[in-house]
């Protein structure tokens, strides 16, 4: 029998840190080693939006394409839509709303029952979300 590799969802911030070789990326890369790496469709959109809005040329766009190919993209389906809607409603009721983009990303990790690697503080108090976050000095 083959070995099961635990999944992990990467937030847009972590994907960006890794792509740009930011020093903080090392923390996340070490914790993801040996894990199956997923991104939400929302992270894919955010990466392409950033590239287009910065007017990247063909070479840089190809580098981004190659980088994003290492991740498996989770596309929305009925289950993800339900998890996201429930999460947004719960966060609103608690007075701690998530914006739509972050809700899709958090819901992806919750639906897959796996950790979310993110450097963003607004995920810290999301119920049922396992968070991998680098210590802030």
C-alpha atoms as a PDB file:
ATOM      1  CA  UNK A   1       0.000   0.000   0.000  1.00  0.00           C
ATOM      2  CA  UNK A   2       1.140   3.567  -0.767  1.00  0.00           C
ATOM      3  CA  UNK A   3       1.854   6.105   1.901  1.00  0.00           C
ATOM      4  CA  UNK A   4      -0.857   8.713   2.496  1.00  0.00           C
ATOM      5  CA  UNK A   5       0.358  12.277   2.189  1.00  0.00           C
ATOM      6  CA  UNK A   6      -1.491  14.759   4.394  1.00  0.00           C
ATOM      7  CA  UNK A   7      -3.020  17.707   2.550  1.00  0.00           C
ATOM      8  CA  UNK A   8      -2.434  21.365   3.328  1.00  0.00           C
ATOM      9  CA  UNK A   9      -4.081  24.455   1.816  1.00  0.00           C
ATOM     10  CA  UNK A  10      -1.881  27.460   1.096  1.00  0.00           C
ATOM     11  CA  UNK A  11      -3.247  30.970   1.360  1.00  0.00           C
ATOM     12  CA  UNK A  12      -2.395  33.562  -1.263  1.00  0.00           C
ATOM     13  CA  UNK A  13       0.137  35.196   1.053  1.00  0.00           C
ATOM     14  CA  UNK A  14       2.146  31.990   1.408  1.00  0.00           C
ATOM     15  CA  UNK A  15       2.029  31.240  -2.325  1.00  0.00           C
ATOM     16  CA  UNK A  16       3.313  34.764  -2.943  1.00  0.00           C
ATOM     17  CA  UNK A  17       6.107  34.459  -0.361  1.00  0.00           C
ATOM     18  CA  UNK A  18       7.299  31.212  -1.916  1.00  0.00           C
ATOM     19  CA  UNK A  19       7.110  32.553  -5.474  1.00  0.00           C
ATOM     20  CA  UNK A  20       8.992  35.724  -4.567  1.00  0.00           C
ATOM     21  CA  UNK A  21      11.554  33.850  -2.434  1.00  0.00           C
ATOM     22  CA  UNK A  22      10.710  35.999   0.564  1.00  0.00           C
ATOM     23  CA  UNK A  23      12.697  34.947   3.660  1.00  0.00           C
ATOM     24  CA  UNK A  24       9.469  34.136   5.558  1.00  0.00           C
ATOM     25  CA  UNK A  25       8.752  31.449   2.940  1.00  0.00           C
ATOM     26  CA  UNK A  26      11.326  29.160   4.571  1.00  0.00           C
ATOM     27  CA  UNK A  27       9.066  28.670   7.613  1.00  0.00           C
ATOM     28  CA  UNK A  28       6.174  27.533   5.432  1.00  0.00           C
ATOM     29  CA  UNK A  29       8.238  25.436   3.030  1.00  0.00           C
ATOM     30  CA  UNK A  30       9.707  23.473   5.946  1.00  0.00           C
ATOM     31  CA  UNK A  31       6.247  22.770   7.385  1.00  0.00           C
ATOM     32  CA  UNK A  32       4.800  21.759   4.009  1.00  0.00           C
ATOM     33  CA  UNK A  33       7.547  19.310   3.118  1.00  0.00           C
ATOM     34  CA  UNK A  34       5.987  15.938   2.383  1.00  0.00           C
ATOM     35  CA  UNK A  35       2.444  17.321   2.294  1.00  0.00           C
ATOM     36  CA  UNK A  36       0.096  17.430  -0.657  1.00  0.00           C
ATOM     37  CA  UNK A  37      -0.306  21.136  -1.418  1.00  0.00           C
ATOM     38  CA  UNK A  38      -3.624  22.657  -2.457  1.00  0.00           C
ATOM     39  CA  UNK A  39      -4.759  26.154  -3.266  1.00  0.00           C
ATOM     40  CA  UNK A  40      -8.252  27.546  -3.542  1.00  0.00           C
ATOM     41  CA  UNK A  41      -9.443  28.775  -6.913  1.00  0.00           C
ATOM     42  CA  UNK A  42      -9.541  32.155  -5.143  1.00  0.00           C
ATOM     43  CA  UNK A  43      -5.774  32.065  -4.547  1.00  0.00           C
ATOM     44  CA  UNK A  44      -5.262  31.262  -8.216  1.00  0.00           C
ATOM     45  CA  UNK A  45      -7.357  34.314  -9.148  1.00  0.00           C
ATOM     46  CA  UNK A  46      -5.483  36.547  -6.699  1.00  0.00           C
ATOM     47  CA  UNK A  47      -2.113  35.452  -8.117  1.00  0.00           C
ATOM     48  CA  UNK A  48      -3.188  36.218 -11.688  1.00  0.00           C
ATOM     49  CA  UNK A  49      -4.856  39.476 -10.679  1.00  0.00           C
ATOM     50  CA  UNK A  50      -1.625  40.619  -9.032  1.00  0.00           C
ATOM     51  CA  UNK A  51       0.414  39.724 -12.118  1.00  0.00           C
ATOM     52  CA  UNK A  52      -1.950  41.461 -14.530  1.00  0.00           C
ATOM     53  CA  UNK A  53      -2.354  44.555 -12.366  1.00  0.00           C
ATOM     54  CA  UNK A  54       1.442  44.924 -12.176  1.00  0.00           C
ATOM     55  CA  UNK A  55       1.783  44.562 -15.945  1.00  0.00           C
ATOM     56  CA  UNK A  56       4.158  41.616 -15.824  1.00  0.00           C
ATOM     57  CA  UNK A  57       5.828  40.614 -19.063  1.00  0.00           C
ATOM     58  CA  UNK A  58       5.759  37.226 -20.768  1.00  0.00           C
ATOM     59  CA  UNK A  59       8.799  35.831 -18.912  1.00  0.00           C
ATOM     60  CA  UNK A  60       7.458  36.669 -15.443  1.00  0.00           C
ATOM     61  CA  UNK A  61       3.983  35.381 -16.389  1.00  0.00           C
ATOM     62  CA  UNK A  62       5.558  32.081 -17.482  1.00  0.00           C
ATOM     63  CA  UNK A  63       7.421  31.871 -14.164  1.00  0.00           C
ATOM     64  CA  UNK A  64       4.108  32.339 -12.348  1.00  0.00           C
ATOM     65  CA  UNK A  65       2.430  29.691 -14.515  1.00  0.00           C
ATOM     66  CA  UNK A  66       5.198  27.210 -13.696  1.00  0.00           C
ATOM     67  CA  UNK A  67       5.014  28.051 -10.002  1.00  0.00           C
ATOM     68  CA  UNK A  68       1.232  27.640  -9.791  1.00  0.00           C
ATOM     69  CA  UNK A  69       1.376  24.260 -11.536  1.00  0.00           C
ATOM     70  CA  UNK A  70       2.918  22.728  -8.410  1.00  0.00           C
ATOM     71  CA  UNK A  71      -0.359  23.167  -6.518  1.00  0.00           C
ATOM     72  CA  UNK A  72      -3.606  21.298  -6.963  1.00  0.00           C
ATOM     73  CA  UNK A  73      -6.462  23.789  -7.360  1.00  0.00           C
ATOM     74  CA  UNK A  74      -9.714  23.183  -5.487  1.00  0.00           C
ATOM     75  CA  UNK A  75     -12.605  24.463  -7.579  1.00  0.00           C
ATOM     76  CA  UNK A  76     -16.004  25.389  -6.120  1.00  0.00           C
ATOM     77  CA  UNK A  77     -18.686  22.749  -5.979  1.00  0.00           C
ATOM     78  CA  UNK A  78     -21.887  22.383  -3.969  1.00  0.00           C
ATOM     79  CA  UNK A  79     -20.040  21.210  -0.844  1.00  0.00           C
ATOM     80  CA  UNK A  80     -17.564  24.097  -0.881  1.00  0.00           C
ATOM     81  CA  UNK A  81     -20.343  26.623  -1.493  1.00  0.00           C
ATOM     82  CA  UNK A  82     -22.241  25.279   1.533  1.00  0.00           C
ATOM     83  CA  UNK A  83     -19.167  25.359   3.788  1.00  0.00           C
ATOM     84  CA  UNK A  84     -18.326  28.891   2.670  1.00  0.00           C
ATOM     85  CA  UNK A  85     -21.890  30.168   3.170  1.00  0.00           C
ATOM     86  CA  UNK A  86     -22.060  28.625   6.653  1.00  0.00           C
ATOM     87  CA  UNK A  87     -18.654  30.044   7.582  1.00  0.00           C
ATOM     88  CA  UNK A  88     -19.595  33.547   6.437  1.00  0.00           C
ATOM     89  CA  UNK A  89     -22.881  33.412   8.357  1.00  0.00           C
ATOM     90  CA  UNK A  90     -21.153  32.184  11.524  1.00  0.00           C
ATOM     91  CA  UNK A  91     -18.460  34.855  11.270  1.00  0.00           C
ATOM     92  CA  UNK A  92     -21.052  37.585  10.731  1.00  0.00           C
ATOM     93  CA  UNK A  93     -23.077  36.360  13.749  1.00  0.00           C
ATOM     94  CA  UNK A  94     -19.906  36.520  15.864  1.00  0.00           C
ATOM     95  CA  UNK A  95     -19.184  40.076  14.722  1.00  0.00           C
ATOM     96  CA  UNK A  96     -15.938  38.985  13.004  1.00  0.00           C
ATOM     97  CA  UNK A  97     -16.758  38.860   9.304  1.00  0.00           C
ATOM     98  CA  UNK A  98     -14.369  37.512   6.691  1.00  0.00           C
ATOM     99  CA  UNK A  99     -14.264  39.084   3.264  1.00  0.00           C
ATOM    100  CA  UNK A 100     -15.481  36.851   0.454  1.00  0.00           C
ATOM    101  CA  UNK A 101     -12.003  35.967  -0.838  1.00  0.00           C
ATOM    102  CA  UNK A 102     -10.752  34.900   2.588  1.00  0.00           C
ATOM    103  CA  UNK A 103     -13.963  32.990   3.247  1.00  0.00           C
ATOM    104  CA  UNK A 104     -13.427  30.882   0.102  1.00  0.00           C
ATOM    105  CA  UNK A 105      -9.853  30.096   1.139  1.00  0.00           C
ATOM    106  CA  UNK A 106     -10.741  29.229   4.757  1.00  0.00           C
ATOM    107  CA  UNK A 107     -13.741  27.172   3.622  1.00  0.00           C
ATOM    108  CA  UNK A 108     -11.478  25.168   1.315  1.00  0.00           C
ATOM    109  CA  UNK A 109      -9.269  24.109   4.243  1.00  0.00           C
ATOM    110  CA  UNK A 110     -12.289  23.433   6.466  1.00  0.00           C
ATOM    111  CA  UNK A 111     -13.987  21.327   3.790  1.00  0.00           C
ATOM    112  CA  UNK A 112     -10.816  19.290   3.236  1.00  0.00           C
ATOM    113  CA  UNK A 113     -10.324  19.027   7.016  1.00  0.00           C
ATOM    114  CA  UNK A 114      -6.713  20.086   6.702  1.00  0.00           C
ATOM    115  CA  UNK A 115      -4.553  22.995   7.868  1.00  0.00           C
ATOM    116  CA  UNK A 116      -4.370  26.361   6.160  1.00  0.00           C
ATOM    117  CA  UNK A 117      -0.908  27.891   5.842  1.00  0.00           C
ATOM    118  CA  UNK A 118      -1.380  31.643   6.034  1.00  0.00           C
ATOM    119  CA  UNK A 119       0.513  34.633   7.311  1.00  0.00           C
ATOM    120  CA  UNK A 120      -2.683  36.676   7.640  1.00  0.00           C
ATOM    121  CA  UNK A 121      -3.986  37.369  11.139  1.00  0.00           C
ATOM    122  CA  UNK A 122      -7.676  37.443  10.218  1.00  0.00           C
ATOM    123  CA  UNK A 123      -7.716  33.622  10.045  1.00  0.00           C
ATOM    124  CA  UNK A 124      -6.499  33.229  13.646  1.00  0.00           C
ATOM    125  CA  UNK A 125      -9.902  32.988  15.336  1.00  0.00           C
ATOM    126  CA  UNK A 126     -11.845  31.112  12.647  1.00  0.00           C
ATOM    127  CA  UNK A 127     -13.527  28.107  14.319  1.00  0.00           C
ATOM    128  CA  UNK A 128     -12.727  24.658  12.917  1.00  0.00           C
ATOM    129  CA  UNK A 129      -9.736  26.031  11.017  1.00  0.00           C
ATOM    130  CA  UNK A 130      -6.337  24.510  11.712  1.00  0.00           C
ATOM    131  CA  UNK A 131      -3.825  27.259  11.052  1.00  0.00           C
ATOM    132  CA  UNK A 132      -0.127  27.129  10.261  1.00  0.00           C
ATOM    133  CA  UNK A 133       1.245  30.619  10.785  1.00  0.00           C
ATOM    134  CA  UNK A 134       4.821  31.779  11.142  1.00  0.00           C
ATOM    135  CA  UNK A 135       5.603  33.505  14.420  1.00  0.00           C
ATOM    136  CA  UNK A 136       5.532  37.271  14.123  1.00  0.00           C
ATOM    137  CA  UNK A 137       8.699  38.771  15.666  1.00  0.00           C
END
